[in-house]
Amino acid sequence: MRLRDVFSLLTFALGRGQVQAFDVREASIATIHNSLFSGLTTCREVVESFVARVVLYNPSINAIITLNPNVLSLADEKDLALAAGNVTGALFCIPVLLKDSYDTSDMRTTGGCLDLRDSQPSIDAPSVAALKRVGAIILGKTNLHELALEGLSVSSLGGQTVNPYDATRMPGGSFGGTGAAIAASFAVFGTGTDTVNSLRSPASANSLFSIRPTRGLLSRAGIIPISYTQDAIGPIARNVRDLAVALETMASVGYYKSDNVTALVPASCPSAGYVAALESAGSLKGVRLGLVEGFFNQTTSNETSPVNDVMGAMVSSLRAAGATIVQIDSPIFNSTAILNEYDTQRFEYRQQMNQYLQRPSLQGSHPRTLNELYDSKDYLVIPSQYSYVNTALVSSTSNSTYAMRKLAIENLTLALQTTFKERKLDALIYPEQANLVVKIGSASQSGRNGILAAVIGSPVVMVPAGFSAQTADAPKGIPIEMEILGMPWSEARLLKLAKLVSEVRNVRRMPALTEGFVEPKVLEAVPSIVPNAANIPAVYPVGTL
């Protein structure tokens, strides 16, 4: 280290006692940068503040699988750059959490599965590398529903993640660990994947913003796969601007050879401009939104009525702001039917996983095939998915049913585009989940509506819509959210709509379980986080299929 660097480091270290503790609750990219660049805090203190929250509150929600052992030295490097006036990148010193299905060269990638506990990628996923290039600090990795196969966020390695708004309920899934962690202000934003609902369900359960982009916009290379047709990746955040910055960064990867769907991005679709789109003037006046009636459960119950009431209030607010609400009652919009008739996962899962497990860049002890993984007994499959996994282990894309489903998806895509054209729609709106997020111990995450966007590959933005009534278990209520689905490559427009909607109904609130301020401590080393696998509900037996 050069003498100038030593002096800069000493200056920061000596001055830390005079810097007021930075409150990272609900912190954004802008608030962190404002405090950093005005000398009110240091990168080291920002990181230590988030780590302090993880140390105090993670035992209650069990969202983190591991913290990055290099995070303090990374923060010190940022402080040296700051002292030298060498600050670059839209995410300079912004702590980010990754779903533990993203390959990272400095942390294992487990998918929450015990049999992958020693699986060590030698290179970062392209999306992770893109975040690092613009200054992001990867704080750690989060729990998920094992191998991202469902929405209960329980895994053999990570245990059961708990919803910080109601500790008796799930945090959504599959990347419920990231959703719970971002709601609890463990980082500024996080990343996840989506095969049916996974980028949206945790947003819905944790009052967050997320986006599932058009198929091909973001490279899925270096991420534990399920479905070539349906997999997507994206960010989750507490506000729309941070979501746009994250999306713009991840989209900078562009075409990536090992994920050939990235070649679908048209030349007219820029990889940047999502943040700039938010700054332009606009209103909801004249916007035509199709309200999908088939994605509601109109029965009266404690689980469905709060969703219907919140969505009713949202629709009234949108109308009052000048939007035109168009009723869409076509029978094609039925989530259960779409899942049963169009879902391709079980045909693609085994082949996709085998390719991932056999890459030369994946090192450490790990199974070489999906069948070998499930022979190990070091896994968790929930009983409602026994049939799915067993079928996937003997299915492939050569199955005749697979070809029929791919053709059906083309017809469904055409039907959707026809609906947009004939009804002159800007977007479709509907609840992500027709009932409240389910209780811990439930058979599955029922009532979700993510399958339409998943099979046709259209972009969707999640926007907080409101909360259920407050109860003893949920002292601030349970979050409820709305999906805004657009035509392919309309991400900039959807983000703008999300911003306008959130200004009409600004409903996000911190979860009571983790809302307290945590005084950061000066750390000599990164604390070790051990996920609580002992809290797995007995109804989800490990090693059974």
Protein backbone atom coordinates (compact mmCIF):
# COMPACT_ATOMS: atom_id res chain seq x y z
CA MET A 1 0.00 0.00 0.00
CA ARG A 2 1.27 3.45 -0.93
CA LEU A 3 2.05 6.03 1.77
CA ARG A 4 -0.84 8.21 0.58
CA ASP A 5 -3.22 5.28 0.99
CA VAL A 6 -1.97 4.58 4.50
CA PHE A 7 -2.48 8.23 5.43
CA SER A 8 -5.99 8.26 3.98
CA LEU A 9 -6.93 5.10 5.85
CA LEU A 10 -5.61 6.50 9.13
CA THR A 11 -7.52 9.73 8.57
CA PHE A 12 -10.77 7.84 8.14
CA ALA A 13 -10.09 5.55 11.09
CA LEU A 14 -9.24 8.44 13.44
CA GLY A 15 -12.21 10.48 12.33
CA ARG A 16 -14.82 7.79 12.78
CA GLY A 17 -15.46 8.60 16.38
CA GLN A 18 -16.58 12.11 15.37
CA VAL A 19 -19.06 10.86 12.75
CA GLN A 20 -22.67 10.50 13.84
CA ALA A 21 -24.03 6.98 13.45
CA PHE A 22 -25.72 6.62 10.08
CA ASP A 23 -29.28 5.28 10.28
CA VAL A 24 -29.67 2.76 7.47
CA ARG A 25 -33.35 2.01 8.07
CA GLU A 26 -35.14 2.48 4.74
CA ALA A 27 -31.88 3.90 3.34
CA SER A 28 -31.74 4.44 -0.42
CA ILE A 29 -28.92 4.81 -2.91
CA ALA A 30 -29.46 8.57 -2.84
CA THR A 31 -29.46 8.95 0.96
CA ILE A 32 -26.30 6.86 1.33
CA HIS A 33 -24.51 8.78 -1.40
CA ASN A 34 -25.60 12.12 0.06
CA SER A 35 -24.19 11.17 3.45
CA LEU A 36 -21.00 9.70 2.00
CA PHE A 37 -20.20 12.59 -0.30
CA SER A 38 -20.97 15.24 2.32
CA GLY A 39 -18.67 13.59 4.87
CA LEU A 40 -21.43 12.61 7.29
CA THR A 41 -20.47 8.94 7.21
CA THR A 42 -17.96 6.50 5.74
CA CYS A 43 -18.44 3.42 3.63
CA ARG A 44 -17.09 1.33 6.51
CA GLU A 45 -19.77 2.71 8.82
CA VAL A 46 -22.52 2.17 6.26
CA VAL A 47 -21.51 -1.48 5.95
CA GLU A 48 -21.12 -1.92 9.71
CA SER A 49 -24.57 -0.41 10.22
CA PHE A 50 -26.20 -2.94 7.92
CA VAL A 51 -24.21 -5.79 9.46
CA ALA A 52 -25.35 -4.68 12.92
CA ARG A 53 -28.96 -5.02 11.81
CA VAL A 54 -28.28 -8.50 10.45
CA VAL A 55 -26.62 -9.58 13.71
CA LEU A 56 -29.51 -8.31 15.86
CA TYR A 57 -32.54 -9.18 13.76
CA ASN A 58 -31.59 -12.15 11.59
CA PRO A 59 -32.15 -14.65 14.43
CA SER A 60 -35.81 -13.53 14.39
CA ILE A 61 -36.43 -13.84 10.64
CA ASN A 62 -33.69 -16.27 9.48
CA ALA A 63 -33.19 -14.52 6.14
CA ILE A 64 -29.40 -14.70 5.70
CA ILE A 65 -27.39 -17.78 4.73
CA THR A 66 -23.98 -16.11 4.80
CA LEU A 67 -22.26 -12.73 5.00
CA ASN A 68 -19.44 -11.89 2.63
CA PRO A 69 -16.19 -12.41 4.60
CA ASN A 70 -14.52 -9.65 2.54
CA VAL A 71 -17.13 -6.97 3.09
CA LEU A 72 -15.11 -4.85 5.56
CA SER A 73 -12.01 -4.73 3.38
CA LEU A 74 -14.21 -3.85 0.40
CA ALA A 75 -15.66 -0.95 2.39
CA ASP A 76 -12.17 0.23 3.34
CA GLU A 77 -11.19 0.24 -0.33
CA LYS A 78 -14.18 2.45 -1.08
CA ASP A 79 -13.16 4.85 1.69
CA LEU A 80 -9.68 5.11 0.23
CA ALA A 81 -11.19 5.89 -3.16
CA LEU A 82 -13.48 8.45 -1.56
CA ALA A 83 -10.57 10.15 0.19
CA ALA A 84 -8.64 10.27 -3.08
CA GLY A 85 -11.59 11.74 -4.95
CA ASN A 86 -11.77 8.63 -7.10
CA VAL A 87 -15.45 7.82 -6.78
CA THR A 88 -17.03 6.07 -9.76
CA GLY A 89 -20.13 4.01 -10.35
CA ALA A 90 -23.86 4.40 -9.78
CA LEU A 91 -23.70 1.89 -6.90
CA PHE A 92 -20.55 3.12 -5.13
CA CYS A 93 -20.60 1.63 -1.60
CA ILE A 94 -24.18 0.38 -1.92
CA PRO A 95 -24.68 -2.88 0.05
CA VAL A 96 -26.57 -5.50 -1.93
CA LEU A 97 -27.85 -8.95 -0.98
CA LEU A 98 -28.03 -11.81 -3.47
CA LYS A 99 -30.40 -14.74 -3.54
CA ASP A 100 -28.17 -17.76 -2.90
CA SER A 101 -28.67 -19.02 -6.43
CA TYR A 102 -26.34 -16.40 -7.97
CA ASP A 103 -22.80 -17.60 -8.60
CA THR A 104 -20.18 -15.72 -6.57
CA SER A 105 -16.46 -16.41 -6.66
CA ASP A 106 -15.98 -15.35 -3.02
CA MET A 107 -18.95 -17.20 -1.48
CA ARG A 108 -20.47 -20.64 -2.01
CA THR A 109 -23.66 -20.92 -4.06
CA THR A 110 -25.96 -23.46 -2.44
CA GLY A 111 -29.54 -22.86 -3.55
CA GLY A 112 -30.34 -23.53 0.11
CA CYS A 113 -29.60 -27.22 -0.47
CA LEU A 114 -27.45 -29.22 1.95
CA ASP A 115 -26.05 -31.28 -0.89
CA LEU A 116 -24.67 -28.06 -2.46
CA ARG A 117 -23.19 -26.67 0.76
CA ASP A 118 -19.63 -26.96 -0.63
CA SER A 119 -20.41 -25.90 -4.19
CA GLN A 120 -18.01 -23.07 -5.08
CA PRO A 121 -18.18 -21.14 -8.36
CA SER A 122 -14.84 -19.84 -9.62
CA ILE A 123 -16.37 -16.86 -11.42
CA ASP A 124 -19.20 -14.44 -10.68
CA ALA A 125 -22.47 -14.55 -12.56
CA PRO A 126 -22.42 -11.79 -15.21
CA SER A 127 -25.13 -9.88 -13.33
CA VAL A 128 -23.06 -10.00 -10.13
CA ALA A 129 -19.98 -8.81 -12.00
CA ALA A 130 -22.03 -5.93 -13.41
CA LEU A 131 -23.08 -4.84 -9.91
CA LYS A 132 -19.49 -4.94 -8.70
CA ARG A 133 -18.25 -2.94 -11.71
CA VAL A 134 -20.31 0.07 -10.66
CA GLY A 135 -19.21 -0.06 -7.04
CA ALA A 136 -21.78 -2.26 -5.31
CA ILE A 137 -20.68 -4.16 -2.20
CA ILE A 138 -22.11 -7.68 -2.11
CA LEU A 139 -23.01 -7.94 1.57
CA GLY A 140 -24.02 -11.59 1.56
CA LYS A 141 -26.47 -14.18 0.36
CA THR A 142 -30.02 -14.95 1.40
CA ASN A 143 -32.18 -17.97 2.07
CA LEU A 144 -34.73 -19.19 -0.46
CA HIS A 145 -37.17 -21.94 -1.05
CA GLU A 146 -34.80 -24.78 -1.77
CA LEU A 147 -33.56 -24.62 -5.38
CA ALA A 148 -36.27 -21.98 -5.97
CA LEU A 149 -38.94 -24.63 -6.57
CA GLU A 150 -41.82 -23.10 -4.57
CA GLY A 151 -42.88 -20.08 -2.53
CA LEU A 152 -42.50 -21.12 1.11
CA SER A 153 -38.83 -20.07 1.52
CA VAL A 154 -37.81 -23.14 3.49
CA SER A 155 -34.61 -25.06 2.75
CA SER A 156 -32.54 -27.91 4.16
CA LEU A 157 -29.52 -25.60 4.59
CA GLY A 158 -31.19 -22.30 5.49
CA GLY A 159 -34.24 -23.42 7.45
CA GLN A 160 -37.53 -21.51 7.43
CA THR A 161 -37.45 -17.77 6.75
CA VAL A 162 -40.06 -15.76 8.66
CA ASN A 163 -42.12 -12.80 7.49
CA PRO A 164 -41.07 -9.68 9.48
CA TYR A 165 -44.62 -8.28 9.26
CA ASP A 166 -46.20 -11.39 10.78
CA ALA A 167 -43.95 -14.06 12.28
CA THR A 168 -46.68 -16.71 11.82
CA ARG A 169 -46.54 -16.31 8.02
CA MET A 170 -44.19 -17.01 5.15
CA PRO A 171 -42.21 -14.18 3.51
CA GLY A 172 -43.31 -15.30 0.05
CA GLY A 173 -40.91 -17.05 -2.26
CA SER A 174 -38.91 -18.44 -3.65
CA PHE A 175 -36.48 -15.72 -2.62
CA GLY A 176 -38.29 -14.88 0.60
CA GLY A 177 -34.95 -14.47 2.36
CA THR A 178 -34.13 -11.49 0.16
CA GLY A 179 -37.63 -10.07 0.51
CA ALA A 180 -37.58 -10.29 4.31
CA ALA A 181 -34.02 -8.93 4.45
CA ILE A 182 -34.72 -5.88 2.29
CA ALA A 183 -37.95 -5.16 4.21
CA ALA A 184 -35.86 -5.31 7.41
CA SER A 185 -33.23 -2.93 5.96
CA PHE A 186 -30.41 -5.48 5.91
CA ALA A 187 -29.24 -3.94 2.59
CA VAL A 188 -30.33 -1.29 0.08
CA PHE A 189 -31.68 -3.73 -2.49
CA GLY A 190 -31.44 -7.38 -3.43
CA THR A 191 -31.54 -9.69 -6.41
CA GLY A 192 -33.63 -12.73 -7.18
CA THR A 193 -34.98 -15.06 -9.83
CA ASP A 194 -38.48 -15.77 -11.12
CA THR A 195 -39.73 -18.96 -12.76
CA VAL A 196 -43.41 -18.51 -11.86
CA ASN A 197 -43.76 -15.96 -9.03
CA SER A 198 -40.44 -15.67 -7.25
CA LEU A 199 -39.50 -12.04 -7.95
CA ARG A 200 -43.02 -10.92 -7.14
CA SER A 201 -44.27 -13.05 -4.27
CA PRO A 202 -41.60 -11.81 -1.79
CA ALA A 203 -42.25 -8.21 -2.88
CA SER A 204 -45.95 -8.73 -2.25
CA ALA A 205 -45.36 -10.25 1.19
CA ASN A 206 -42.88 -7.56 2.27
CA SER A 207 -44.23 -4.27 0.82
CA LEU A 208 -41.43 -3.90 -1.74
CA PHE A 209 -40.97 -2.99 -5.40
CA SER A 210 -39.64 -5.58 -7.85
CA ILE A 211 -39.49 -6.17 -11.57
CA ARG A 212 -39.55 -9.31 -13.66
CA PRO A 213 -38.14 -8.04 -16.98
CA THR A 214 -38.89 -9.14 -20.52
CA ARG A 215 -37.37 -12.52 -21.28
CA GLY A 216 -33.85 -11.90 -22.59
CA LEU A 217 -33.24 -8.44 -21.14
CA LEU A 218 -31.10 -9.77 -18.27
CA SER A 219 -28.64 -12.64 -18.64
CA ARG A 220 -29.44 -15.67 -16.49
CA ALA A 221 -25.95 -17.14 -16.90
CA GLY A 222 -24.28 -18.27 -13.69
CA ILE A 223 -27.53 -18.71 -11.79
CA ILE A 224 -29.05 -21.99 -10.57
CA PRO A 225 -31.71 -22.74 -13.21
CA ILE A 226 -35.09 -24.39 -13.42
CA SER A 227 -36.64 -23.55 -16.77
CA TYR A 228 -35.10 -22.31 -20.02
CA THR A 229 -38.50 -20.95 -21.04
CA GLN A 230 -39.63 -19.32 -17.79
CA ASP A 231 -36.55 -18.32 -15.76
CA ALA A 232 -35.87 -14.61 -15.32
CA ILE A 233 -33.78 -12.55 -12.91
CA GLY A 234 -34.20 -9.09 -11.46
CA PRO A 235 -33.93 -6.75 -8.46
CA ILE A 236 -36.12 -5.97 -5.46
CA ALA A 237 -36.01 -2.68 -3.56
CA ARG A 238 -37.85 -0.34 -1.19
CA ASN A 239 -38.42 2.38 -3.81
CA VAL A 240 -38.82 2.64 -7.56
CA ARG A 241 -35.67 4.67 -8.25
CA ASP A 242 -33.38 2.12 -6.59
CA LEU A 243 -35.17 -0.58 -8.57
CA ALA A 244 -34.48 1.31 -11.80
CA VAL A 245 -30.80 1.82 -10.98
CA ALA A 246 -30.41 -1.89 -10.21
CA LEU A 247 -32.21 -2.94 -13.39
CA GLU A 248 -30.13 -0.58 -15.52
CA THR A 249 -26.94 -2.00 -14.01
CA MET A 250 -27.94 -5.62 -14.53
CA ALA A 251 -29.07 -4.90 -18.09
CA SER A 252 -25.62 -3.53 -18.92
CA VAL A 253 -24.43 -7.14 -19.39
CA GLY A 254 -26.24 -7.21 -22.73
CA TYR A 255 -25.82 -10.23 -25.01
CA TYR A 256 -24.19 -13.18 -23.25
CA LYS A 257 -23.29 -16.23 -25.30
CA SER A 258 -24.14 -18.90 -22.72
CA ASP A 259 -27.67 -17.48 -22.36
CA ASN A 260 -28.78 -17.12 -25.95
CA VAL A 261 -32.18 -15.56 -25.15
CA THR A 262 -30.24 -12.33 -24.56
CA ALA A 263 -30.02 -12.14 -28.35
CA LEU A 264 -33.77 -11.38 -28.39
CA VAL A 265 -33.27 -7.80 -27.17
CA PRO A 266 -34.13 -5.51 -30.12
CA ALA A 267 -31.71 -2.79 -31.17
CA SER A 268 -34.41 -0.25 -30.36
CA CYS A 269 -34.42 -1.33 -26.68
CA PRO A 270 -31.66 0.50 -24.79
CA SER A 271 -29.94 -1.16 -21.85
CA ALA A 272 -29.93 2.22 -20.09
CA GLY A 273 -32.47 4.98 -19.59
CA TYR A 274 -34.65 3.40 -16.93
CA VAL A 275 -33.61 5.94 -14.30
CA ALA A 276 -33.95 8.86 -16.72
CA ALA A 277 -37.48 7.72 -17.58
CA LEU A 278 -38.50 8.30 -13.97
CA GLU A 279 -37.42 11.93 -14.10
CA SER A 280 -39.67 12.93 -16.98
CA ALA A 281 -42.97 14.64 -16.19
CA GLY A 282 -46.09 12.52 -16.32
CA SER A 283 -49.40 11.61 -14.78
CA LEU A 284 -51.94 8.81 -14.79
CA LYS A 285 -54.45 10.94 -16.67
CA GLY A 286 -55.54 9.02 -19.75
CA VAL A 287 -53.63 5.85 -18.88
CA ARG A 288 -55.70 2.77 -19.72
CA LEU A 289 -55.28 -0.10 -17.26
CA GLY A 290 -56.94 -3.48 -17.76
CA LEU A 291 -58.24 -4.91 -14.47
CA VAL A 292 -58.03 -8.72 -14.77
CA GLU A 293 -61.15 -10.05 -13.03
CA GLY A 294 -60.05 -13.69 -13.31
CA PHE A 295 -57.06 -13.09 -11.03
CA PHE A 296 -59.23 -12.27 -8.01
CA ASN A 297 -60.80 -14.64 -5.48
CA GLN A 298 -64.15 -13.02 -4.74
CA THR A 299 -65.09 -15.35 -1.90
CA THR A 300 -65.46 -13.71 1.50
CA SER A 301 -62.88 -14.83 4.06
CA ASN A 302 -60.21 -13.48 6.39
CA GLU A 303 -57.59 -14.41 3.79
CA THR A 304 -59.21 -13.11 0.58
CA SER A 305 -61.35 -10.14 1.65
CA PRO A 306 -58.38 -7.94 2.69
CA VAL A 307 -56.88 -8.36 -0.80
CA ASN A 308 -60.14 -7.46 -2.51
CA ASP A 309 -60.66 -4.45 -0.23
CA VAL A 310 -57.13 -3.11 -0.79
CA MET A 311 -57.35 -3.61 -4.55
CA GLY A 312 -60.73 -1.88 -4.56
CA ALA A 313 -59.20 1.11 -2.81
CA MET A 314 -56.28 1.09 -5.24
CA VAL A 315 -58.60 1.09 -8.26
CA SER A 316 -60.55 4.01 -6.78
CA SER A 317 -57.33 5.96 -6.27
CA LEU A 318 -56.19 5.25 -9.84
CA ARG A 319 -59.52 6.45 -11.22
CA ALA A 320 -59.34 9.59 -9.08
CA ALA A 321 -55.85 10.25 -10.51
CA GLY A 322 -57.26 10.15 -14.06
CA ALA A 323 -56.61 6.56 -15.13
CA THR A 324 -59.21 4.67 -17.12
CA ILE A 325 -59.92 1.21 -15.68
CA VAL A 326 -60.99 -1.35 -18.28
CA GLN A 327 -62.62 -4.54 -17.01
CA ILE A 328 -60.94 -7.65 -18.48
CA ASP A 329 -63.04 -10.77 -18.00
CA SER A 330 -61.66 -13.07 -20.70
CA PRO A 331 -61.57 -16.75 -19.63
CA ILE A 332 -57.93 -17.03 -20.78
CA PHE A 333 -56.87 -15.13 -17.65
CA ASN A 334 -57.09 -17.98 -15.15
CA SER A 335 -53.88 -18.65 -13.20
CA THR A 336 -54.74 -22.22 -12.26
CA ALA A 337 -55.52 -23.16 -15.85
CA ILE A 338 -52.39 -21.42 -17.18
CA LEU A 339 -50.22 -23.25 -14.65
CA ASN A 340 -51.75 -26.61 -15.52
CA GLU A 341 -51.73 -26.18 -19.29
CA TYR A 342 -48.70 -24.02 -20.13
CA ASP A 343 -46.05 -24.50 -17.42
CA THR A 344 -42.83 -25.99 -18.84
CA GLN A 345 -40.72 -26.46 -15.70
CA ARG A 346 -40.89 -30.21 -15.25
CA PHE A 347 -39.70 -30.84 -18.82
CA GLU A 348 -36.70 -28.52 -18.61
CA TYR A 349 -35.57 -28.75 -14.98
CA ARG A 350 -33.38 -31.86 -15.09
CA GLN A 351 -31.54 -30.85 -18.26
CA GLN A 352 -31.00 -27.29 -17.08
CA MET A 353 -29.65 -28.39 -13.68
CA ASN A 354 -27.36 -31.02 -15.18
CA GLN A 355 -25.79 -28.39 -17.43
CA TYR A 356 -25.31 -26.06 -14.45
CA LEU A 357 -23.78 -28.74 -12.21
CA GLN A 358 -21.36 -29.95 -14.89
CA ARG A 359 -19.81 -26.58 -15.79
CA PRO A 360 -16.01 -26.43 -15.36
CA SER A 361 -16.37 -23.15 -13.45
CA LEU A 362 -18.32 -24.88 -10.66
CA GLN A 363 -15.80 -26.26 -8.19
CA GLY A 364 -15.90 -27.70 -4.69
CA SER A 365 -17.70 -30.89 -3.74
CA HIS A 366 -21.12 -31.08 -5.42
CA PRO A 367 -23.33 -33.56 -7.30
CA ARG A 368 -22.88 -33.78 -11.06
CA THR A 369 -26.53 -34.42 -11.90
CA LEU A 370 -29.95 -33.62 -10.48
CA ASN A 371 -30.63 -37.33 -9.95
CA GLU A 372 -27.43 -37.60 -7.92
CA LEU A 373 -28.52 -34.65 -5.78
CA TYR A 374 -31.86 -36.26 -4.98
CA ASP A 375 -30.17 -39.59 -4.24
CA SER A 376 -28.17 -37.91 -1.47
CA LYS A 377 -31.02 -37.36 1.04
CA ASP A 378 -29.45 -33.95 1.74
CA TYR A 379 -32.33 -31.95 0.32
CA LEU A 380 -35.83 -30.68 1.14
CA VAL A 381 -38.83 -31.06 -1.12
CA ILE A 382 -42.23 -30.09 0.28
CA PRO A 383 -44.83 -32.88 0.00
CA SER A 384 -47.01 -30.96 -2.48
CA GLN A 385 -44.07 -31.08 -4.91
CA TYR A 386 -43.12 -34.75 -4.65
CA SER A 387 -44.99 -35.52 -7.89
CA TYR A 388 -43.43 -32.56 -9.71
CA VAL A 389 -39.85 -33.46 -8.80
CA ASN A 390 -40.27 -37.18 -9.44
CA THR A 391 -41.76 -36.40 -12.85
CA ALA A 392 -38.98 -33.92 -13.63
CA LEU A 393 -36.34 -36.57 -12.92
CA VAL A 394 -37.61 -38.68 -15.82
CA SER A 395 -38.90 -35.95 -18.17
CA SER A 396 -37.15 -33.97 -20.90
CA THR A 397 -37.78 -31.51 -23.68
CA SER A 398 -38.16 -34.44 -26.09
CA ASN A 399 -41.51 -35.25 -24.49
CA SER A 400 -44.37 -34.64 -26.94
CA THR A 401 -46.33 -32.74 -24.29
CA TYR A 402 -43.50 -30.21 -24.09
CA ALA A 403 -43.81 -29.33 -27.78
CA MET A 404 -47.55 -28.92 -27.38
CA ARG A 405 -47.05 -26.55 -24.46
CA LYS A 406 -44.56 -24.42 -26.34
CA LEU A 407 -47.08 -24.03 -29.16
CA ALA A 408 -49.82 -23.22 -26.65
CA ILE A 409 -47.61 -20.48 -25.16
CA GLU A 410 -47.34 -18.88 -28.60
CA ASN A 411 -51.13 -18.86 -28.86
CA LEU A 412 -51.50 -17.42 -25.35
CA THR A 413 -48.96 -14.70 -26.17
CA LEU A 414 -50.94 -13.76 -29.27
CA ALA A 415 -54.18 -13.68 -27.27
CA LEU A 416 -52.62 -11.34 -24.73
CA GLN A 417 -51.25 -9.00 -27.39
CA THR A 418 -54.65 -8.99 -29.08
CA THR A 419 -56.25 -7.96 -25.79
CA PHE A 420 -53.81 -5.06 -25.47
CA LYS A 421 -54.49 -3.90 -29.03
CA GLU A 422 -58.28 -4.27 -29.04
CA ARG A 423 -58.76 -2.66 -25.62
CA LYS A 424 -56.07 -0.01 -26.24
CA LEU A 425 -54.32 -0.86 -22.96
CA ASP A 426 -51.16 0.56 -21.46
CA ALA A 427 -50.91 -2.29 -18.93
CA LEU A 428 -52.81 -4.98 -17.05
CA ILE A 429 -53.27 -4.74 -13.28
CA TYR A 430 -54.22 -7.40 -10.74
CA PRO A 431 -53.19 -8.63 -7.27
CA GLU A 432 -50.03 -10.71 -7.17
CA GLN A 433 -51.75 -13.02 -4.71
CA ALA A 434 -55.52 -13.39 -4.44
CA ASN A 435 -55.20 -14.15 -0.72
CA LEU A 436 -52.83 -13.09 2.03
CA VAL A 437 -49.40 -14.71 2.06
CA VAL A 438 -49.87 -18.13 3.67
CA LYS A 439 -49.09 -19.27 7.20
CA ILE A 440 -45.92 -21.18 8.07
CA GLY A 441 -46.60 -24.89 7.69
CA SER A 442 -48.96 -24.45 4.74
CA ALA A 443 -48.93 -27.01 1.91
CA SER A 444 -48.01 -24.40 -0.73
CA GLN A 445 -48.04 -20.67 -1.50
CA SER A 446 -51.55 -20.65 -2.92
CA GLY A 447 -53.42 -17.99 -4.86
CA ARG A 448 -50.54 -16.40 -6.77
CA ASN A 449 -50.96 -14.92 -10.25
CA GLY A 450 -47.42 -14.81 -11.61
CA ILE A 451 -47.71 -17.60 -14.14
CA LEU A 452 -49.04 -15.47 -17.04
CA ALA A 453 -45.94 -13.26 -17.26
CA ALA A 454 -43.70 -16.26 -16.58
CA VAL A 455 -44.80 -18.30 -19.58
CA ILE A 456 -45.16 -15.48 -22.12
CA GLY A 457 -42.06 -13.57 -20.96
CA SER A 458 -43.69 -10.14 -20.59
CA PRO A 459 -42.37 -7.61 -18.06
CA VAL A 460 -44.11 -6.99 -14.74
CA VAL A 461 -43.51 -4.41 -12.02
CA MET A 462 -44.69 -4.93 -8.43
CA VAL A 463 -46.14 -1.99 -6.48
CA PRO A 464 -47.25 -1.97 -2.81
CA ALA A 465 -51.04 -1.54 -2.71
CA GLY A 466 -51.80 -1.59 1.01
CA PHE A 467 -52.10 -3.71 4.12
CA SER A 468 -54.64 -5.94 5.81
CA ALA A 469 -56.09 -4.88 9.15
CA GLN A 470 -53.71 -4.84 12.11
CA THR A 471 -53.77 -7.84 14.44
CA ALA A 472 -51.75 -9.13 17.37
CA ASP A 473 -49.67 -11.26 14.98
CA ALA A 474 -49.42 -8.49 12.37
CA PRO A 475 -49.22 -5.20 14.32
CA LYS A 476 -48.86 -3.19 11.11
CA GLY A 477 -50.98 -5.44 8.93
CA ILE A 478 -49.92 -7.86 6.18
CA PRO A 479 -48.65 -6.37 2.89
CA ILE A 480 -50.74 -6.66 -0.29
CA GLU A 481 -49.45 -5.78 -3.76
CA MET A 482 -50.47 -5.13 -7.32
CA GLU A 483 -48.77 -6.38 -10.48
CA ILE A 484 -48.51 -4.07 -13.50
CA LEU A 485 -47.93 -6.15 -16.65
CA GLY A 486 -46.89 -4.57 -19.94
CA MET A 487 -45.93 -5.49 -23.46
CA PRO A 488 -42.40 -6.80 -24.17
CA TRP A 489 -39.55 -4.28 -23.75
CA SER A 490 -41.78 -1.74 -21.97
CA GLU A 491 -39.72 -1.70 -18.74
CA ALA A 492 -39.15 2.07 -18.81
CA ARG A 493 -42.88 2.69 -19.19
CA LEU A 494 -43.76 0.23 -16.43
CA LEU A 495 -41.26 1.77 -14.02
CA LYS A 496 -42.73 5.20 -14.73
CA LEU A 497 -46.22 3.83 -14.07
CA ALA A 498 -44.99 2.26 -10.82
CA LYS A 499 -43.59 5.61 -9.71
CA LEU A 500 -46.85 7.40 -10.53
CA VAL A 501 -48.92 4.75 -8.76
CA SER A 502 -46.68 4.87 -5.68
CA GLU A 503 -47.13 8.64 -5.56
CA VAL A 504 -50.91 8.21 -5.64
CA ARG A 505 -50.80 5.54 -2.93
CA ASN A 506 -47.60 5.72 -0.90
CA VAL A 507 -48.29 2.85 1.49
CA ARG A 508 -44.96 1.23 2.36
CA ARG A 509 -44.21 0.95 6.09
CA MET A 510 -41.40 -0.74 8.02
CA PRO A 511 -42.14 -4.12 9.64
CA ALA A 512 -42.65 -3.89 13.40
CA LEU A 513 -40.43 -6.89 14.13
CA THR A 514 -37.32 -5.15 12.79
CA GLU A 515 -38.08 -1.42 12.92
CA GLY A 516 -35.80 -0.44 15.79
CA PHE A 517 -32.59 1.55 15.30
CA VAL A 518 -29.42 -0.51 15.79
CA GLU A 519 -26.24 1.21 16.91
CA PRO A 520 -23.37 -0.02 14.71
CA LYS A 521 -20.23 -1.47 16.28
CA VAL A 522 -16.66 -1.13 15.12
CA LEU A 523 -15.87 -4.55 13.69
CA GLU A 524 -12.50 -6.26 13.52
CA ALA A 525 -13.94 -9.09 11.44
CA VAL A 526 -17.17 -9.98 9.69
CA PRO A 527 -19.48 -11.90 12.07
CA SER A 528 -20.30 -15.47 11.15
CA ILE A 529 -23.97 -16.07 10.39
CA VAL A 530 -25.30 -19.59 10.89
CA PRO A 531 -28.81 -20.09 9.46
CA ASN A 532 -31.31 -21.82 11.70
CA ALA A 533 -32.11 -25.09 9.97
CA ALA A 534 -33.61 -26.41 13.20
CA ASN A 535 -36.76 -24.36 12.67
CA ILE A 536 -37.95 -26.32 9.63
CA PRO A 537 -41.61 -27.26 10.20
CA ALA A 538 -42.13 -31.00 10.69
CA VAL A 539 -44.54 -31.07 7.75
CA TYR A 540 -41.55 -30.50 5.44
CA PRO A 541 -39.33 -33.55 6.09
CA VAL A 542 -35.73 -33.39 4.88
CA GLY A 543 -34.53 -36.15 2.52
CA THR A 544 -37.99 -37.35 1.52
CA LEU A 545 -39.28 -37.52 -2.02
